[in-house]
Amino acid sequence: MNPRTHSRLWPLLCGLAAAVTLQAALAAGGVAFTKRMETKLLAEPTPLAAVSAKVGYAKPLKIEAAKGAWLKVREGENTGWVFSGNVSAVEIKETAGLAGLGLNASATTVTAAARGLSEEAADYAQRHQLGTARDDLAWLLEQSAAVTAEDLEAFLQKNKLGEFK
């Protein structure tokens, strides 16, 4: 194998190894960490099952079993099923963001995220003839504020996305 081919295969092999390692970590006997501000533990491995408990952000869950994309987990006295996309094999630290913002992305606005860049953003907009950027941002924020968590869940369910696959 020539060095050029070897250098192209290296990133692919590293990615494959990482994927296998993460998949193995989310297996019975392992630990998963919640990624949502509130993770629902369900009575059955289906998105429409009754909620048996709720667990907060960055909490460790002991994995008791795996069934497809679903994990049966335990947190203290609470047990239930969780969609594997809602947890991480990597420990999550429960801290505030660098700007002191809360961790719940849905409670953070684009304006708050770009707060320290306002002068630079305005310069960039002027250089690239983006004079309507402020109006576009206002429209985007208005549209996103109109979408509720229930709307999002209904959309995912209807289109069989996320945990509704």
Foldseek 3Di string as FASTA:
>chain_A
DDPVVVVVCVVVVVVVVVVVVFVVQQAAQHKWFFAAQKFFFFADLAPVGDGQDIDGHQAIWHFHHDDVQKTWTDDPPDTHIGGVVRIGSDGDDLDADPVRHHPHVLVDAPCNVCVVCVVVVVVVCVVVVVVCVVVVSVVVVVVSVPQDPVNVVVVCCVVCHDSSD
